[in-house]
Protein backbone atom coordinates (compact mmCIF):
# COMPACT_ATOMS: atom_id res chain seq x y z
CA MET A 1 10.00 -14.37 9.42
CA ASN A 2 11.23 -10.80 8.99
CA TYR A 3 14.77 -11.75 8.70
CA LYS A 4 14.00 -13.96 5.62
CA ILE A 5 12.52 -11.15 3.72
CA GLU A 6 15.38 -8.85 4.76
CA GLY A 7 17.97 -11.31 4.08
CA ALA A 8 16.38 -12.04 0.54
CA ILE A 9 16.26 -8.33 -0.42
CA LYS A 10 19.91 -7.79 0.75
CA LYS A 11 21.02 -10.97 -1.21
CA ASN A 12 19.16 -9.71 -4.49
CA ARG A 13 19.54 -6.10 -4.30
CA LYS A 14 21.64 -5.93 -7.62
CA ASN A 15 19.52 -8.40 -9.33
CA PHE A 16 16.54 -6.38 -9.08
CA ILE A 17 17.96 -4.02 -11.92
CA ILE A 18 18.83 -7.15 -14.14
CA PHE A 19 15.11 -8.43 -13.44
CA ALA A 20 13.61 -5.02 -14.62
CA ILE A 21 15.76 -5.06 -17.76
CA ILE A 22 14.78 -8.58 -18.76
CA TRP A 23 11.06 -7.58 -18.23
CA LEU A 24 11.66 -4.65 -20.56
CA ILE A 25 13.21 -7.09 -23.11
CA ILE A 26 10.28 -9.52 -22.81
CA ALA A 27 7.90 -6.46 -23.12
CA ILE A 28 9.48 -5.23 -26.34
CA ALA A 29 10.98 -8.24 -28.07
CA LEU A 30 8.51 -11.01 -27.23
CA ALA A 31 5.29 -9.50 -26.34
CA THR A 32 4.99 -7.53 -29.47
CA PRO A 33 5.49 -10.25 -32.15
CA ILE A 34 3.25 -12.52 -30.08
CA ALA A 35 0.29 -9.90 -29.93
CA TYR A 36 0.83 -8.84 -33.53
CA SER A 37 0.69 -12.43 -34.76
CA PHE A 38 -2.47 -12.99 -32.57
CA PHE A 39 -4.20 -9.88 -33.91
CA LYS A 40 -3.35 -10.94 -37.55
CA ALA A 41 -4.39 -14.64 -36.94
CA GLU A 42 -7.74 -13.63 -35.48
CA ASN A 43 -8.72 -11.66 -38.66
CA VAL A 44 -7.89 -14.48 -41.04
CA GLY A 45 -10.01 -17.44 -39.89
CA ALA A 46 -9.69 -20.79 -38.17
CA ASN A 47 -8.25 -22.70 -41.05
CA GLN A 48 -5.27 -20.57 -41.80
CA GLY A 49 -4.96 -19.05 -38.51
CA ILE A 50 -1.89 -20.86 -37.20
CA GLN A 51 -0.07 -20.49 -40.62
CA VAL A 52 -0.58 -16.80 -40.78
CA PHE A 53 0.38 -16.74 -36.85
CA LEU A 54 3.74 -18.39 -37.58
CA GLU A 55 4.51 -16.40 -40.77
CA THR A 56 3.66 -13.09 -38.88
CA PHE A 57 5.50 -14.30 -35.83
CA ILE A 58 8.80 -15.01 -37.86
CA GLU A 59 8.58 -11.76 -39.60
CA SER A 60 7.83 -9.44 -36.76
CA ILE A 61 10.39 -10.85 -34.36
CA THR A 62 13.34 -9.75 -36.48
CA ASN A 63 11.93 -6.04 -36.20
CA PRO A 64 9.96 -5.62 -32.70
CA PHE A 65 10.07 -1.82 -32.65
CA GLY A 66 8.48 -1.94 -36.36
CA THR A 67 6.22 -4.42 -35.07
CA LEU A 68 5.33 -2.09 -32.00
CA GLY A 69 4.49 0.63 -34.76
CA ASN A 70 2.17 -1.70 -36.62
CA ILE A 71 0.29 -2.78 -33.33
CA ILE A 72 -0.36 1.03 -32.69
CA SER A 73 -1.33 1.80 -36.48
CA GLU A 74 -3.54 -1.19 -36.87
CA GLY A 75 -5.31 -0.83 -33.51
CA ALA A 76 -3.99 -3.95 -31.96
CA ILE A 77 -3.02 -2.22 -28.49
CA GLY A 78 -5.63 -4.34 -26.57
CA THR A 79 -4.21 -7.48 -27.85
CA TYR A 80 -0.69 -6.28 -26.71
CA PHE A 81 -1.85 -5.36 -23.40
CA THR A 82 -3.50 -8.72 -22.77
CA VAL A 83 -0.40 -10.69 -23.98
CA LEU A 84 1.87 -8.39 -22.02
CA LEU A 85 -0.42 -8.91 -18.73
CA VAL A 86 -0.08 -12.86 -19.29
CA LEU A 87 3.72 -12.62 -19.71
CA THR A 88 4.12 -10.25 -16.88
CA ILE A 89 2.22 -12.55 -14.43
CA PHE A 90 4.20 -15.75 -15.60
CA TYR A 91 7.49 -13.75 -15.13
CA ALA A 92 6.36 -12.28 -11.87
CA VAL A 93 5.55 -15.96 -10.47
CA CYS A 94 8.98 -16.87 -11.62
CA PHE A 95 10.56 -13.85 -9.99
CA PHE A 96 8.78 -14.60 -6.80
CA ILE A 97 9.72 -18.44 -6.63
CA GLY A 98 13.43 -17.50 -7.29
CA PHE A 99 13.08 -14.68 -4.55
CA THR A 100 11.80 -17.17 -1.93
CA LYS A 101 14.50 -19.72 -2.79
CA SER A 102 17.04 -17.27 -2.14
CA ALA A 103 15.78 -16.33 1.13
CA PRO A 104 18.04 -17.48 4.26
CA LYS A 105 17.08 -20.77 5.76
CA ASN A 106 17.56 -19.45 9.50
CA GLU A 107 18.48 -16.30 11.24
CA PHE A 108 22.26 -17.21 11.24
CA THR A 109 22.86 -17.78 7.80
CA ASP A 110 25.70 -15.86 6.46
CA ILE A 111 27.15 -14.82 9.76
CA GLU A 112 30.72 -15.58 10.57
CA HIS A 113 31.01 -18.29 13.09
CA GLY A 114 33.27 -17.03 16.07
CA SER A 115 32.50 -13.26 15.48
CA SER A 116 30.86 -10.94 17.67
CA ASP A 117 27.72 -11.08 15.44
CA TRP A 118 25.91 -13.63 17.82
CA SER A 119 25.18 -10.88 19.95
CA GLN A 120 23.32 -7.28 19.39
CA ARG A 121 23.34 -4.07 21.18
CA GLY A 122 26.03 -4.56 23.76
CA GLU A 123 24.50 -7.53 25.36
CA GLN A 124 27.98 -9.61 24.89
CA TYR A 125 29.57 -7.00 27.52
CA THR A 126 27.33 -8.56 30.22
CA ILE A 127 29.83 -11.46 29.89
CA LEU A 128 32.90 -9.94 28.09
CA SER A 129 34.87 -6.80 28.74
CA LYS A 130 34.79 -4.09 26.02
CA ASN A 131 38.57 -2.99 26.36
CA LYS A 132 40.82 -5.40 28.43
CA GLY A 133 41.45 -9.13 28.81
CA ILE A 134 42.23 -12.01 26.54
CA ILE A 135 41.32 -10.98 23.03
CA LEU A 136 38.52 -13.11 21.28
CA ALA A 137 37.32 -10.70 18.50
CA GLU A 138 37.34 -7.07 17.60
CA ASP A 139 36.18 -4.89 20.87
CA ASN A 140 35.60 -8.17 22.50
CA TYR A 141 37.75 -9.37 25.45
CA LEU A 142 37.43 -11.99 28.00
CA PRO A 143 38.09 -10.38 31.24
CA LEU A 144 40.84 -11.93 33.72
CA ASP A 145 39.33 -11.07 36.89
CA LYS A 146 36.04 -13.07 35.98
CA ARG A 147 34.89 -15.60 38.62
CA GLY A 148 34.44 -19.12 37.38
CA ASN A 149 35.80 -20.86 34.42
CA ILE A 150 37.77 -18.64 31.97
CA ASN A 151 39.38 -21.42 29.92
CA VAL A 152 39.56 -20.38 26.25
CA LEU A 153 40.07 -22.51 23.10
CA VAL A 154 41.52 -20.61 20.29
CA VAL A 155 40.80 -22.12 16.79
CA GLY A 156 42.75 -20.66 13.93
CA ARG A 157 45.96 -18.64 13.79
CA PHE A 158 47.04 -15.10 14.47
CA ARG A 159 48.30 -12.89 11.76
CA PHE A 160 50.51 -10.02 12.29
CA TRP A 161 50.71 -7.42 9.50
């Protein structure tokens, strides 16, 4: 299970900054107009609440920083933090779903087939030689003095620079 978390973090390392920037944009450009519109609609009444909400939302979405100043000056900070909490929870759920979808399906996802990545901490040298024989991969040689079957199937091509 640990390889899934490590793989997802490794795969999404660059995206964490993007996710944080998007959250800041949501906190400023979306939460402030919604919170200020809710605050204005609460003070009007039930009949005109939706109309006031829509009018205030359209006006405040064009100037989110001015709306943030209005929220602070008119005392609607509690409404702002409530709206911000709801939007943050929704964004965190979407982020978590995307993070889990990007986790590797098995332990060998994104490992090059045919390389020496199939073994760890020198365990391939119980079978292979480290310095002489038939070249299989970088620092992996099939020893010629090995007993038993040493048939080798080479798939691919050799490139010489």
